[in-house]
């Protein structure tokens, strides 16, 4: 994978929604972006397995963003 391109990770919630997690860097700042229809709802439920997946995706996105700053 090209290190200059942000990586995007997909996590499915307990509600069956898809959550996209991506990491990017702009100038001296790194960003982790969460997007998906799931945020339009009042509550989002994650199973422990899904929460683990979300944490892994956030970590990977953060690492990708930090790698782009190097």
N, C-alpha and C. Protein backbone atom coordinates (compact mmCIF):
# COMPACT_ATOMS: atom_id res chain seq x y z
N UNK A 1 0.85 -1.19 0.00
CA UNK A 1 0.00 0.00 0.00
C UNK A 1 0.88 1.24 0.00
N UNK A 2 0.52 2.25 -0.72
CA UNK A 2 1.25 3.50 -0.79
C UNK A 2 1.10 4.23 0.53
N UNK A 3 2.21 4.56 1.18
CA UNK A 3 2.17 5.21 2.49
C UNK A 3 1.59 6.62 2.41
N UNK A 4 1.52 7.21 1.22
CA UNK A 4 0.98 8.56 1.09
C UNK A 4 -0.54 8.57 1.05
N UNK A 5 -1.13 7.41 0.92
CA UNK A 5 -2.59 7.33 0.87
C UNK A 5 -3.15 6.93 2.23
N UNK A 6 -4.23 7.58 2.68
CA UNK A 6 -4.80 7.19 3.97
C UNK A 6 -5.40 5.79 3.88
N UNK A 7 -5.25 5.05 4.96
CA UNK A 7 -5.86 3.72 5.04
C UNK A 7 -7.25 3.88 5.64
N UNK A 8 -8.18 3.08 5.19
CA UNK A 8 -9.53 3.15 5.73
C UNK A 8 -9.91 1.77 6.23
N UNK A 9 -10.52 1.75 7.38
CA UNK A 9 -10.88 0.50 8.04
C UNK A 9 -12.38 0.48 8.26
N UNK A 10 -12.98 -0.67 8.09
CA UNK A 10 -14.43 -0.81 8.20
C UNK A 10 -14.77 -1.62 9.45
N UNK A 11 -15.69 -1.08 10.25
CA UNK A 11 -16.17 -1.77 11.45
C UNK A 11 -17.69 -1.79 11.37
N UNK A 12 -18.29 -2.93 11.67
CA UNK A 12 -19.75 -3.03 11.71
C UNK A 12 -20.21 -2.97 13.16
N UNK A 13 -21.26 -2.20 13.40
CA UNK A 13 -21.77 -2.06 14.76
C UNK A 13 -22.83 -3.12 15.04
N UNK A 14 -23.24 -3.20 16.29
CA UNK A 14 -24.27 -4.16 16.68
C UNK A 14 -25.60 -3.84 16.01
N UNK A 15 -25.76 -2.60 15.56
CA UNK A 15 -26.99 -2.21 14.89
C UNK A 15 -26.97 -2.53 13.40
N UNK A 16 -25.87 -3.13 12.95
CA UNK A 16 -25.77 -3.48 11.53
C UNK A 16 -25.30 -2.33 10.66
N UNK A 17 -24.94 -1.22 11.28
CA UNK A 17 -24.42 -0.08 10.52
C UNK A 17 -22.94 -0.30 10.24
N UNK A 18 -22.43 0.38 9.23
CA UNK A 18 -21.02 0.31 8.93
C UNK A 18 -20.36 1.63 9.33
N UNK A 19 -19.23 1.51 9.98
CA UNK A 19 -18.48 2.67 10.46
C UNK A 19 -17.13 2.66 9.77
N UNK A 20 -16.77 3.74 9.12
CA UNK A 20 -15.49 3.84 8.44
C UNK A 20 -14.53 4.64 9.30
N UNK A 21 -13.35 4.11 9.50
CA UNK A 21 -12.33 4.75 10.31
C UNK A 21 -11.11 4.95 9.42
N UNK A 22 -10.64 6.17 9.33
CA UNK A 22 -9.47 6.42 8.50
C UNK A 22 -8.50 7.33 9.23
N UNK A 23 -7.23 7.23 8.86
CA UNK A 23 -6.19 8.08 9.44
C UNK A 23 -5.48 8.82 8.33
N UNK A 24 -5.23 10.09 8.55
CA UNK A 24 -4.59 10.91 7.54
C UNK A 24 -3.74 11.96 8.24
N UNK A 25 -2.94 12.65 7.48
CA UNK A 25 -2.11 13.71 8.04
C UNK A 25 -2.13 14.90 7.08
N UNK A 26 -2.24 16.10 7.66
CA UNK A 26 -2.19 17.33 6.88
C UNK A 26 -1.21 18.25 7.59
N UNK A 27 -0.20 18.68 6.87
CA UNK A 27 0.88 19.51 7.41
C UNK A 27 1.43 18.85 8.68
N UNK A 28 1.36 19.51 9.81
CA UNK A 28 1.93 18.97 11.04
C UNK A 28 0.90 18.30 11.93
N UNK A 29 -0.30 18.09 11.44
CA UNK A 29 -1.36 17.50 12.25
C UNK A 29 -1.79 16.16 11.69
N UNK A 30 -2.06 15.22 12.56
CA UNK A 30 -2.60 13.93 12.13
C UNK A 30 -4.07 13.89 12.51
N UNK A 31 -4.85 13.16 11.74
CA UNK A 31 -6.28 13.10 11.95
C UNK A 31 -6.77 11.67 11.89
N UNK A 32 -7.71 11.36 12.75
CA UNK A 32 -8.44 10.10 12.66
C UNK A 32 -9.89 10.49 12.41
N UNK A 33 -10.46 9.98 11.34
CA UNK A 33 -11.81 10.33 10.94
C UNK A 33 -12.74 9.15 11.11
N UNK A 34 -13.88 9.39 11.75
CA UNK A 34 -14.95 8.39 11.85
C UNK A 34 -16.10 8.90 11.02
N UNK A 35 -16.63 8.05 10.15
CA UNK A 35 -17.80 8.49 9.40
C UNK A 35 -18.73 7.30 9.18
N UNK A 36 -19.98 7.62 9.06
CA UNK A 36 -20.98 6.59 8.86
C UNK A 36 -22.32 7.06 9.40
N UNK A 37 -23.37 6.49 8.89
CA UNK A 37 -24.72 6.88 9.28
C UNK A 37 -24.98 6.62 10.76
N UNK A 38 -24.18 5.77 11.36
CA UNK A 38 -24.38 5.39 12.75
C UNK A 38 -24.37 6.61 13.68
N UNK A 39 -23.67 7.66 13.32
CA UNK A 39 -23.57 8.83 14.20
C UNK A 39 -24.82 9.70 14.18
N UNK A 40 -25.76 9.42 13.31
CA UNK A 40 -27.00 10.19 13.29
C UNK A 40 -28.00 9.66 14.30
N UNK A 41 -27.68 8.56 14.95
CA UNK A 41 -28.57 7.96 15.92
C UNK A 41 -28.15 8.42 17.31
N UNK A 42 -29.11 8.36 18.26
CA UNK A 42 -28.82 8.81 19.61
C UNK A 42 -27.87 7.89 20.35
N UNK A 43 -27.99 6.60 20.15
CA UNK A 43 -27.14 5.65 20.86
C UNK A 43 -26.57 4.64 19.88
N UNK A 44 -25.35 4.26 20.14
CA UNK A 44 -24.69 3.25 19.33
C UNK A 44 -24.22 2.15 20.28
N UNK A 45 -24.63 0.93 20.01
CA UNK A 45 -24.23 -0.20 20.84
C UNK A 45 -23.18 -1.02 20.12
N UNK A 46 -22.13 -1.34 20.83
CA UNK A 46 -21.08 -2.20 20.31
C UNK A 46 -20.99 -3.44 21.19
N UNK A 47 -20.83 -4.59 20.57
CA UNK A 47 -20.49 -5.78 21.35
C UNK A 47 -19.02 -5.66 21.73
N UNK A 48 -18.56 -6.46 22.66
CA UNK A 48 -17.15 -6.39 23.05
C UNK A 48 -16.24 -6.71 21.87
N UNK A 49 -16.63 -7.66 21.05
CA UNK A 49 -15.85 -8.00 19.86
C UNK A 49 -15.78 -6.82 18.90
N UNK A 50 -16.92 -6.16 18.69
CA UNK A 50 -16.95 -5.02 17.79
C UNK A 50 -16.15 -3.86 18.37
N UNK A 51 -16.19 -3.70 19.69
CA UNK A 51 -15.41 -2.65 20.33
C UNK A 51 -13.92 -2.91 20.14
N UNK A 52 -13.52 -4.17 20.26
CA UNK A 52 -12.12 -4.53 19.99
C UNK A 52 -11.74 -4.18 18.56
N UNK A 53 -12.64 -4.48 17.61
CA UNK A 53 -12.38 -4.16 16.21
C UNK A 53 -12.26 -2.66 16.00
N UNK A 54 -13.10 -1.89 16.68
CA UNK A 54 -13.06 -0.44 16.57
C UNK A 54 -11.74 0.09 17.12
N UNK A 55 -11.32 -0.42 18.26
CA UNK A 55 -10.05 0.01 18.85
C UNK A 55 -8.89 -0.32 17.92
N UNK A 56 -8.91 -1.52 17.34
CA UNK A 56 -7.86 -1.90 16.38
C UNK A 56 -7.86 -0.96 15.18
N UNK A 57 -9.04 -0.64 14.67
CA UNK A 57 -9.13 0.24 13.50
C UNK A 57 -8.65 1.65 13.85
N UNK A 58 -9.03 2.15 15.02
CA UNK A 58 -8.57 3.47 15.45
C UNK A 58 -7.06 3.50 15.60
N UNK A 59 -6.51 2.46 16.20
CA UNK A 59 -5.07 2.38 16.38
C UNK A 59 -4.35 2.35 15.04
N UNK A 60 -4.86 1.54 14.11
CA UNK A 60 -4.25 1.45 12.78
C UNK A 60 -4.34 2.78 12.05
N UNK A 61 -5.48 3.46 12.17
CA UNK A 61 -5.66 4.76 11.51
C UNK A 61 -4.71 5.79 12.10
N UNK A 62 -4.56 5.76 13.42
CA UNK A 62 -3.64 6.69 14.08
C UNK A 62 -2.21 6.42 13.62
N UNK A 63 -1.80 5.16 13.58
CA UNK A 63 -0.45 4.81 13.14
C UNK A 63 -0.21 5.25 11.70
N UNK A 64 -1.23 5.08 10.85
CA UNK A 64 -1.09 5.50 9.45
C UNK A 64 -0.91 7.01 9.37
N UNK A 65 -1.70 7.75 10.13
CA UNK A 65 -1.60 9.21 10.12
C UNK A 65 -0.23 9.66 10.62
N UNK A 66 0.26 9.03 11.68
CA UNK A 66 1.56 9.40 12.23
C UNK A 66 2.69 9.05 11.25
N UNK A 67 2.53 7.92 10.54
CA UNK A 67 3.52 7.51 9.55
C UNK A 67 3.59 8.53 8.40
N UNK A 68 2.44 9.11 8.06
CA UNK A 68 2.42 10.10 6.99
C UNK A 68 3.14 11.39 7.39
N UNK A 69 3.23 11.65 8.70
CA UNK A 69 3.92 12.84 9.17
C UNK A 69 5.44 12.69 9.15
N UNK A 70 5.90 11.45 9.17
CA UNK A 70 7.36 11.21 9.19
C UNK A 70 8.01 11.52 7.87
